[in-house]
Protein backbone atom coordinates (compact mmCIF):
# COMPACT_ATOMS: atom_id res chain seq x y z
CA MET A 1 187.68 -119.71 -235.34
CA ASP A 2 187.48 -122.94 -237.36
CA LYS A 3 186.29 -123.10 -240.98
CA LYS A 4 182.81 -124.29 -240.00
CA GLY A 5 182.47 -121.43 -237.51
CA ASN A 6 183.69 -118.94 -240.11
CA ARG A 7 181.19 -120.22 -242.67
CA SER A 8 178.37 -119.96 -240.12
CA VAL A 9 179.27 -116.34 -239.28
CA LEU A 10 179.59 -115.38 -242.95
CA LEU A 11 176.19 -116.88 -243.70
CA GLY A 12 174.76 -115.12 -240.66
CA ALA A 13 176.21 -111.77 -241.77
CA ALA A 14 174.87 -112.29 -245.32
CA PHE A 15 171.36 -113.08 -244.05
CA LEU A 16 171.44 -110.20 -241.54
CA MET A 17 172.20 -107.74 -244.34
CA ALA A 18 169.73 -109.34 -246.78
CA THR A 19 166.84 -109.56 -244.32
CA SER A 20 167.56 -105.99 -243.16
CA ALA A 21 167.03 -104.96 -246.79
CA ILE A 22 163.87 -107.09 -247.19
CA GLY A 23 161.44 -105.02 -245.15
CA PRO A 24 157.89 -103.68 -245.67
CA GLY A 25 159.23 -100.99 -248.04
CA PHE A 26 161.05 -103.62 -250.11
CA LEU A 27 157.83 -105.61 -250.60
CA THR A 28 155.83 -102.51 -251.53
CA GLN A 29 158.46 -101.01 -253.88
CA THR A 30 158.84 -104.27 -255.79
CA THR A 31 155.12 -104.77 -256.40
CA VAL A 32 154.42 -101.10 -257.23
CA PHE A 33 157.25 -100.88 -259.78
CA THR A 34 156.19 -104.20 -261.33
CA SER A 35 152.66 -102.88 -261.82
CA GLN A 36 154.10 -99.73 -263.48
CA LEU A 37 156.87 -101.26 -265.63
CA ALA A 38 155.64 -104.87 -266.07
CA ALA A 39 158.37 -107.17 -267.48
CA SER A 40 160.76 -104.22 -268.01
CA PHE A 41 161.18 -104.04 -264.23
CA GLY A 42 163.53 -107.01 -264.70
CA PHE A 43 166.07 -104.58 -266.22
CA VAL A 44 165.76 -102.31 -263.18
CA ILE A 45 166.45 -105.28 -260.89
CA LEU A 46 169.49 -106.31 -262.99
CA MET A 47 171.00 -102.80 -262.89
CA SER A 48 170.34 -102.43 -259.16
CA ILE A 49 171.99 -105.80 -258.42
CA ILE A 50 175.16 -104.71 -260.24
CA LEU A 51 175.24 -101.38 -258.35
CA ASP A 52 174.42 -103.08 -255.03
CA ILE A 53 177.36 -105.48 -255.41
CA GLY A 54 179.70 -102.59 -256.23
CA ALA A 55 178.69 -100.63 -253.14
CA GLN A 56 178.69 -103.61 -250.81
CA MET A 57 182.06 -105.06 -251.90
CA ASN A 58 183.78 -101.69 -251.42
CA ILE A 59 182.32 -101.17 -247.95
CA TRP A 60 182.75 -104.69 -246.57
CA ARG A 61 186.34 -105.04 -247.86
CA VAL A 62 187.59 -101.76 -246.37
CA ILE A 63 185.83 -102.42 -243.03
CA ALA A 64 187.42 -105.89 -242.88
CA VAL A 65 190.93 -104.76 -243.89
CA SER A 66 190.95 -101.81 -241.47
CA GLY A 67 189.35 -103.81 -238.65
CA LYS A 68 187.31 -100.69 -237.84
CA ARG A 69 183.65 -99.76 -238.01
CA ALA A 70 182.51 -97.15 -240.52
CA GLN A 71 182.15 -94.33 -237.97
CA ASP A 72 185.73 -94.82 -236.72
CA ILE A 73 187.04 -94.87 -240.30
CA ALA A 74 185.16 -91.59 -240.97
CA ASN A 75 186.56 -89.96 -237.80
CA MET A 76 190.11 -90.95 -238.81
CA LEU A 77 189.59 -89.26 -242.20
CA LEU A 78 188.05 -86.08 -240.79
CA PRO A 79 187.48 -85.57 -237.04
CA GLY A 80 183.74 -85.31 -236.37
CA LEU A 81 182.67 -86.90 -239.67
CA GLY A 82 182.09 -90.23 -237.92
CA TYR A 83 179.76 -88.59 -235.39
CA PHE A 84 177.81 -86.96 -238.23
CA LEU A 85 177.53 -90.28 -240.08
CA ALA A 86 176.46 -92.06 -236.87
CA PHE A 87 173.80 -89.38 -236.27
CA LEU A 88 172.34 -89.88 -239.76
CA ILE A 89 172.37 -93.68 -239.38
CA VAL A 90 170.78 -93.71 -235.91
CA ILE A 91 168.04 -91.19 -236.75
CA GLY A 92 167.31 -93.02 -240.02
CA GLY A 93 167.37 -96.43 -238.32
CA LEU A 94 164.98 -95.28 -235.58
CA ALA A 95 162.51 -93.76 -238.02
CA PHE A 96 162.56 -96.79 -240.31
CA ASN A 97 162.17 -99.07 -237.33
CA ILE A 98 158.85 -97.38 -236.61
CA GLY A 99 157.81 -98.44 -240.11
CA ASN A 100 159.24 -101.93 -239.54
CA ALA A 101 157.27 -102.23 -236.28
CA ALA A 102 154.14 -101.25 -238.22
CA GLY A 103 154.91 -103.93 -240.83
CA ALA A 104 155.35 -106.58 -238.12
CA GLY A 105 152.04 -105.50 -236.60
CA LEU A 106 150.31 -105.73 -239.98
CA GLY A 107 151.76 -109.22 -240.54
CA MET A 108 150.38 -110.41 -237.18
CA ASN A 109 147.06 -108.75 -237.98
CA VAL A 110 146.78 -110.74 -241.22
CA MET A 111 147.91 -114.02 -239.59
CA PHE A 112 145.91 -113.91 -236.35
CA GLY A 113 143.32 -111.13 -236.65
CA ILE A 114 144.76 -109.13 -233.72
CA THR A 115 145.18 -105.35 -233.98
CA PRO A 116 148.35 -104.11 -235.71
CA GLU A 117 149.31 -102.32 -232.48
CA MET A 118 149.11 -105.54 -230.44
CA GLY A 119 150.96 -107.40 -233.21
CA ALA A 120 153.75 -104.78 -233.12
CA LEU A 121 154.06 -105.12 -229.32
CA ILE A 122 154.31 -108.92 -229.49
CA SER A 123 156.85 -108.67 -232.32
CA GLY A 124 158.88 -106.13 -230.35
CA ILE A 125 159.02 -108.51 -227.37
CA ILE A 126 160.20 -111.36 -229.63
CA ALA A 127 162.94 -109.12 -231.13
CA ILE A 128 164.05 -107.99 -227.65
CA ALA A 129 164.18 -111.63 -226.45
CA ILE A 130 166.85 -112.38 -229.07
CA PHE A 131 169.17 -109.76 -227.52
CA ILE A 132 168.52 -110.96 -223.96
CA ILE A 133 169.91 -114.41 -224.82
CA LYS A 134 173.56 -114.84 -223.78
CA GLU A 135 174.68 -115.82 -227.29
CA ALA A 136 172.75 -112.95 -228.92
CA GLY A 137 174.93 -112.89 -232.06
CA LYS A 138 174.33 -116.56 -232.82
CA ALA A 139 170.62 -116.25 -232.00
CA MET A 140 170.31 -113.27 -234.37
CA ASP A 141 172.16 -115.14 -237.13
CA ARG A 142 169.97 -118.22 -236.78
CA PHE A 143 166.69 -116.26 -236.58
CA THR A 144 167.45 -114.20 -239.71
CA GLN A 145 168.49 -117.32 -241.65
CA VAL A 146 165.28 -119.20 -240.81
CA ALA A 147 163.12 -116.14 -241.53
CA GLY A 148 164.94 -115.57 -244.84
CA PHE A 149 164.38 -119.13 -246.03
CA VAL A 150 160.70 -118.98 -245.00
CA MET A 151 160.13 -115.70 -246.89
CA ILE A 152 161.78 -116.91 -250.08
CA GLY A 153 160.15 -120.36 -249.96
CA LEU A 154 156.61 -119.02 -249.48
CA THR A 155 157.06 -116.33 -252.14
CA VAL A 156 158.30 -118.97 -254.62
CA TYR A 157 155.01 -120.84 -254.06
CA VAL A 158 153.01 -117.67 -254.79
CA ALA A 159 155.15 -116.91 -257.88
CA VAL A 160 154.49 -120.40 -259.28
CA THR A 161 150.77 -120.00 -258.59
CA SER A 162 150.60 -116.63 -260.38
CA GLN A 163 152.06 -118.17 -263.59
CA PRO A 164 154.24 -115.25 -264.77
CA PRO A 165 155.33 -114.98 -268.44
CA LEU A 166 158.92 -116.12 -267.82
CA GLY A 167 160.06 -115.76 -271.46
CA GLU A 168 158.98 -112.12 -271.61
CA ALA A 169 160.55 -111.44 -268.21
CA VAL A 170 163.92 -112.78 -269.40
CA VAL A 171 163.81 -110.83 -272.69
CA ARG A 172 162.77 -107.52 -271.06
CA THR A 173 165.48 -107.89 -268.40
CA PHE A 174 168.04 -107.37 -271.18
CA VAL A 175 165.92 -105.46 -273.74
CA PRO A 176 163.51 -103.28 -271.70
CA GLU A 177 160.65 -101.40 -273.31
CA GLN A 178 161.20 -98.54 -270.87
CA ILE A 179 163.97 -97.55 -268.44
CA ASN A 180 163.09 -95.87 -265.14
CA MET A 181 166.21 -94.36 -263.53
CA MET A 182 164.29 -93.37 -260.40
CA ALA A 183 163.28 -97.00 -259.90
CA ILE A 184 166.93 -98.11 -260.14
CA VAL A 185 168.08 -95.58 -257.55
CA THR A 186 165.12 -96.41 -255.27
CA LEU A 187 166.03 -100.10 -255.36
CA VAL A 188 169.72 -99.41 -254.71
CA GLY A 189 168.82 -97.14 -251.78
CA GLY A 190 166.40 -99.75 -250.45
CA THR A 191 168.98 -102.57 -250.66
CA VAL A 192 172.28 -100.96 -249.62
CA GLY A 193 171.19 -97.48 -248.47
CA GLY A 194 171.28 -96.09 -244.94
CA TYR A 195 172.35 -98.59 -242.29
CA ILE A 196 171.65 -101.71 -244.38
CA THR A 197 174.98 -102.37 -246.11
CA PHE A 198 176.83 -101.98 -242.79
CA ALA A 199 174.72 -104.63 -241.02
CA GLY A 200 176.78 -107.53 -242.33
CA GLY A 201 180.12 -105.69 -242.38
CA HIS A 202 179.89 -104.74 -238.70
CA ARG A 203 178.62 -108.23 -237.82
CA LEU A 204 181.80 -109.75 -239.32
CA LEU A 205 183.95 -107.44 -237.15
CA ASP A 206 182.02 -108.50 -234.05
CA ALA A 207 182.76 -112.12 -234.92
CA GLY A 208 186.47 -111.40 -235.41
CA ILE A 209 186.56 -111.87 -239.20
CA LYS A 210 188.95 -109.14 -240.39
CA GLY A 211 192.35 -108.50 -241.98
CA LYS A 212 193.68 -109.04 -245.51
CA GLU A 213 193.67 -112.82 -245.07
CA ALA A 214 189.87 -112.72 -244.62
CA LEU A 215 189.22 -110.79 -247.87
CA PRO A 216 188.22 -113.79 -250.04
CA GLN A 217 185.62 -114.79 -247.43
CA VAL A 218 184.45 -111.20 -246.96
CA THR A 219 184.00 -110.70 -250.71
CA LYS A 220 182.08 -113.97 -250.97
CA GLY A 221 179.88 -112.95 -248.03
CA ALA A 222 179.17 -109.51 -249.55
CA VAL A 223 178.10 -111.00 -252.89
CA SER A 224 176.07 -113.74 -251.14
CA ALA A 225 174.15 -111.11 -249.14
CA ILE A 226 173.16 -109.21 -252.29
CA GLY A 227 172.33 -112.57 -253.90
CA ILE A 228 169.91 -113.52 -251.11
CA ALA A 229 168.13 -110.15 -251.23
CA SER A 230 168.04 -110.29 -255.04
CA ILE A 231 166.51 -113.79 -255.11
CA MET A 232 163.66 -112.48 -252.96
CA ARG A 233 163.31 -109.42 -255.22
CA ILE A 234 163.20 -111.55 -258.40
CA VAL A 235 160.73 -114.08 -256.98
CA LEU A 236 158.41 -111.30 -255.75
CA PHE A 237 158.72 -109.54 -259.13
CA LEU A 238 157.67 -112.74 -260.92
CA ALA A 239 154.73 -113.22 -258.54
CA ALA A 240 153.53 -109.66 -259.19
CA LEU A 241 154.22 -109.92 -262.94
CA GLY A 242 151.97 -112.98 -263.16
CA ILE A 243 149.10 -110.95 -261.69
CA VAL A 244 149.78 -107.84 -263.80
CA ALA A 245 150.07 -109.95 -267.00
CA GLN A 246 146.58 -111.34 -266.35
CA GLY A 247 145.23 -107.77 -266.39
CA LEU A 248 144.33 -107.86 -262.70
CA THR A 249 144.59 -104.63 -260.67
CA LEU A 250 146.61 -104.39 -257.47
CA ASP A 251 145.04 -102.69 -254.46
CA PRO A 252 146.89 -99.33 -254.14
CA ALA A 253 146.35 -99.40 -250.35
CA ASN A 254 148.36 -102.63 -250.01
CA PRO A 255 149.94 -103.76 -253.32
CA PRO A 256 151.96 -106.75 -251.99
CA ALA A 257 148.97 -108.19 -250.11
CA SER A 258 146.83 -108.09 -253.24
CA VAL A 259 149.54 -109.93 -255.24
CA PHE A 260 149.54 -112.81 -252.75
CA GLN A 261 145.72 -112.84 -252.47
CA LEU A 262 145.04 -112.68 -256.22
CA ALA A 263 147.61 -115.43 -256.85
CA ALA A 264 146.57 -117.90 -254.15
CA GLY A 265 143.29 -116.73 -252.60
CA ASN A 266 142.86 -116.70 -248.82
CA ILE A 267 145.85 -119.01 -248.37
CA GLY A 268 147.90 -116.47 -250.33
CA TYR A 269 146.68 -113.69 -248.03
CA LYS A 270 147.79 -115.64 -244.96
CA ILE A 271 151.15 -116.33 -246.65
CA PHE A 272 151.47 -112.57 -247.18
CA GLY A 273 150.99 -112.13 -243.42
CA ILE A 274 153.83 -114.55 -242.68
CA VAL A 275 156.15 -112.98 -245.29
CA MET A 276 155.35 -109.42 -244.14
CA TRP A 277 155.96 -110.36 -240.49
CA ALA A 278 159.24 -112.15 -241.26
CA ALA A 279 160.42 -109.24 -243.45
CA ALA A 280 159.49 -106.65 -240.84
CA ILE A 281 160.82 -108.32 -237.68
CA THR A 282 164.19 -109.17 -239.26
CA SER A 283 164.43 -105.53 -240.36
CA VAL A 284 163.61 -104.43 -236.78
CA ILE A 285 166.50 -106.61 -235.54
CA GLY A 286 168.91 -105.50 -238.29
CA ALA A 287 168.13 -101.78 -237.90
CA ALA A 288 168.54 -101.87 -234.11
CA TYR A 289 171.76 -103.92 -234.16
CA THR A 290 173.41 -101.84 -236.90
CA SER A 291 172.30 -98.42 -235.64
CA VAL A 292 173.74 -99.14 -232.19
CA SER A 293 176.93 -100.55 -233.77
CA PHE A 294 177.50 -97.00 -235.09
CA ILE A 295 177.68 -95.45 -231.60
CA ARG A 296 179.06 -98.23 -229.37
CA THR A 297 182.72 -97.37 -230.09
CA PHE A 298 182.32 -93.75 -228.93
CA SER A 299 182.71 -94.54 -225.22
CA PRO A 300 183.46 -97.54 -222.94
CA SER A 301 179.98 -97.23 -221.37
CA LEU A 302 178.24 -97.45 -224.75
CA GLU A 303 180.36 -100.51 -225.58
CA LYS A 304 179.63 -102.16 -222.23
CA TYR A 305 175.86 -101.62 -222.39
CA HIS A 306 175.36 -101.90 -226.16
CA ARG A 307 172.91 -104.81 -225.85
CA ALA A 308 170.75 -102.83 -223.41
CA ILE A 309 170.82 -99.90 -225.85
CA ILE A 310 169.72 -102.21 -228.71
CA ILE A 311 166.81 -103.39 -226.54
CA GLY A 312 165.90 -99.77 -225.77
CA PHE A 313 166.09 -98.91 -229.46
CA ILE A 314 163.59 -101.67 -230.32
CA ALA A 315 161.33 -100.73 -227.41
CA ILE A 316 161.20 -97.03 -228.39
CA SER A 317 160.41 -97.66 -232.07
CA THR A 318 157.74 -100.23 -231.15
CA LEU A 319 156.11 -97.93 -228.57
CA VAL A 320 156.11 -94.94 -230.94
CA PHE A 321 154.11 -96.94 -233.49
CA THR A 322 151.82 -98.46 -230.83
CA LEU A 323 151.01 -95.12 -229.16
CA ILE A 324 151.29 -92.60 -232.02
CA GLY A 325 151.14 -94.58 -235.25
CA LYS A 326 153.49 -93.93 -238.16
CA PRO A 327 154.62 -90.26 -238.11
CA VAL A 328 154.38 -89.88 -241.87
CA LYS A 329 156.23 -86.57 -242.20
CA ILE A 330 159.19 -87.84 -240.19
CA LEU A 331 159.35 -91.04 -242.24
CA VAL A 332 159.27 -89.07 -245.51
CA LEU A 333 161.98 -86.67 -244.32
CA VAL A 334 164.24 -89.45 -243.07
CA GLY A 335 163.58 -91.41 -246.28
CA ALA A 336 164.92 -88.46 -248.22
CA LEU A 337 167.93 -88.18 -245.87
CA ASN A 338 168.54 -91.92 -246.32
CA GLY A 339 169.19 -91.31 -249.99
CA LEU A 340 172.17 -89.15 -249.00
CA ILE A 341 173.69 -91.61 -246.51
CA LEU A 342 175.01 -94.06 -249.13
CA PRO A 343 176.99 -91.50 -251.18
CA ILE A 344 178.46 -90.02 -247.97
CA SER A 345 179.36 -93.36 -246.38
CA LEU A 346 180.58 -94.97 -249.61
CA GLY A 347 182.56 -91.84 -250.46
CA VAL A 348 184.25 -92.01 -247.05
CA ILE A 349 185.10 -95.69 -247.59
CA LEU A 350 186.57 -95.06 -251.06
CA ILE A 351 188.90 -92.32 -249.74
CA ALA A 352 189.82 -94.44 -246.70
CA ALA A 353 190.82 -97.32 -249.00
CA TYR A 354 193.88 -95.28 -250.00
CA LYS A 355 194.95 -94.10 -246.51
CA THR A 356 197.76 -96.27 -245.12
CA LYS A 357 196.97 -95.19 -241.53
CA ILE A 358 193.59 -96.91 -241.99
CA VAL A 359 194.26 -99.88 -244.30
CA GLY A 360 198.03 -100.36 -243.97
CA ASP A 361 199.68 -101.76 -247.10
CA TYR A 362 196.40 -103.01 -248.59
CA LYS A 363 195.92 -102.15 -252.30
CA HIS A 364 192.28 -101.54 -253.20
CA PRO A 365 191.36 -102.71 -256.75
CA LEU A 366 191.08 -99.73 -259.14
CA TRP A 367 188.00 -101.18 -260.85
CA LEU A 368 186.20 -101.32 -257.50
CA THR A 369 187.12 -97.69 -256.78
CA LEU A 370 185.80 -96.53 -260.17
CA PHE A 371 182.67 -98.65 -259.74
CA GLY A 372 182.10 -97.14 -256.28
CA ALA A 373 182.69 -93.58 -257.56
CA ILE A 374 179.99 -93.99 -260.21
CA ILE A 375 177.54 -95.17 -257.51
CA VAL A 376 178.46 -92.20 -255.24
CA VAL A 377 177.79 -89.66 -258.01
CA ALA A 378 174.54 -91.30 -259.17
CA MET A 379 173.13 -91.68 -255.65
CA ALA A 380 174.21 -88.15 -254.62
CA ILE A 381 172.39 -86.62 -257.60
CA MET A 382 169.23 -88.68 -257.09
CA GLY A 383 169.33 -88.28 -253.29
CA GLY A 384 169.65 -84.53 -253.71
CA MET A 385 166.73 -84.48 -256.15
CA THR A 386 164.62 -86.42 -253.65
CA MET A 387 165.41 -83.88 -250.92
CA VAL A 388 164.45 -81.02 -253.24
CA THR A 389 161.11 -82.62 -254.14
CA GLU A 390 160.18 -83.98 -250.68
CA LEU A 391 161.15 -81.12 -248.33
CA PRO A 392 158.77 -78.52 -249.86
CA LYS A 393 155.89 -81.02 -249.44
CA LEU A 394 156.61 -81.32 -245.70
CA PHE A 395 156.58 -77.60 -245.07
CA ALA A 396 153.83 -76.65 -247.52
């Protein structure tokens, strides 16, 4: 592949990962935490960016050097571990895709006044169409890039309109009035948790970008992906901060919508519809593609028909929302499980980085290993705490 082609794939992988992270939950988390922490939420974003980069660089580098997907790396470490990891990813991806389908339906509802169910169906058909195209990989890359630029551009407009106190935001990013550890872990889980961090890493393998010689590009792509997601997070934070600083109250039923509406009136509300739809449909695509990438290496049939399985994955999650709605208990349970996927998957990657049968003579940087280990421990503790608090609620 020539340099131009490589650059295009790297950008595509970065946007696939970033737009997979920027979903309905991302929009809601950012606005809710801003309303709670005000300018001090800037510190939470800064800490989460640092942790996100640490997790992502470890995972993408080892995947690229080994030339293997995460589930195959896990199975080489401990037979059966890859199947367990794939099970967690697929179940989590399917459940979250029901939420993503709901978000896409809500976006269409705001834009065109149609029911959320009809909006979800139309969005599902659009997502499926991308995987019917012969050059599905390129189509996916291009679609996520355009959607990403649209989301960021429109949110910048709303942030400017809301007139946030930029000086205070900068100061509190480094000298916060309060520190919320739960918010940091929630943001890390929402950016690189579950299937999300593997979206770009597996996309690079599909495009043939692997081996030690590709490491500089892979590292650049990993950091770029976190950068894109973080720009959206920062811009949305500033938009919400402008509203909160004016003493206005966000609607608890739909916090991100009220930020856009309070900042820019009815035009702002329509912009929210576009941003919500773009965030949700790119997450639908990213969740389906990445979830299926975790099972396609298990048999020749799964590999041969992986695009049909991706289409089925999108169809099922869309139909579940359309016919049943959002199964809240399942989403809460899987959300709690999702908090445990990152420490398991990152832990596997860190051990694999030192196994010559997986990475050959590659030497993984010690600072990256230590960085990754800190993230594994922190996310395992917080993920475990989430399970302890959420499970009793489900069975009460």
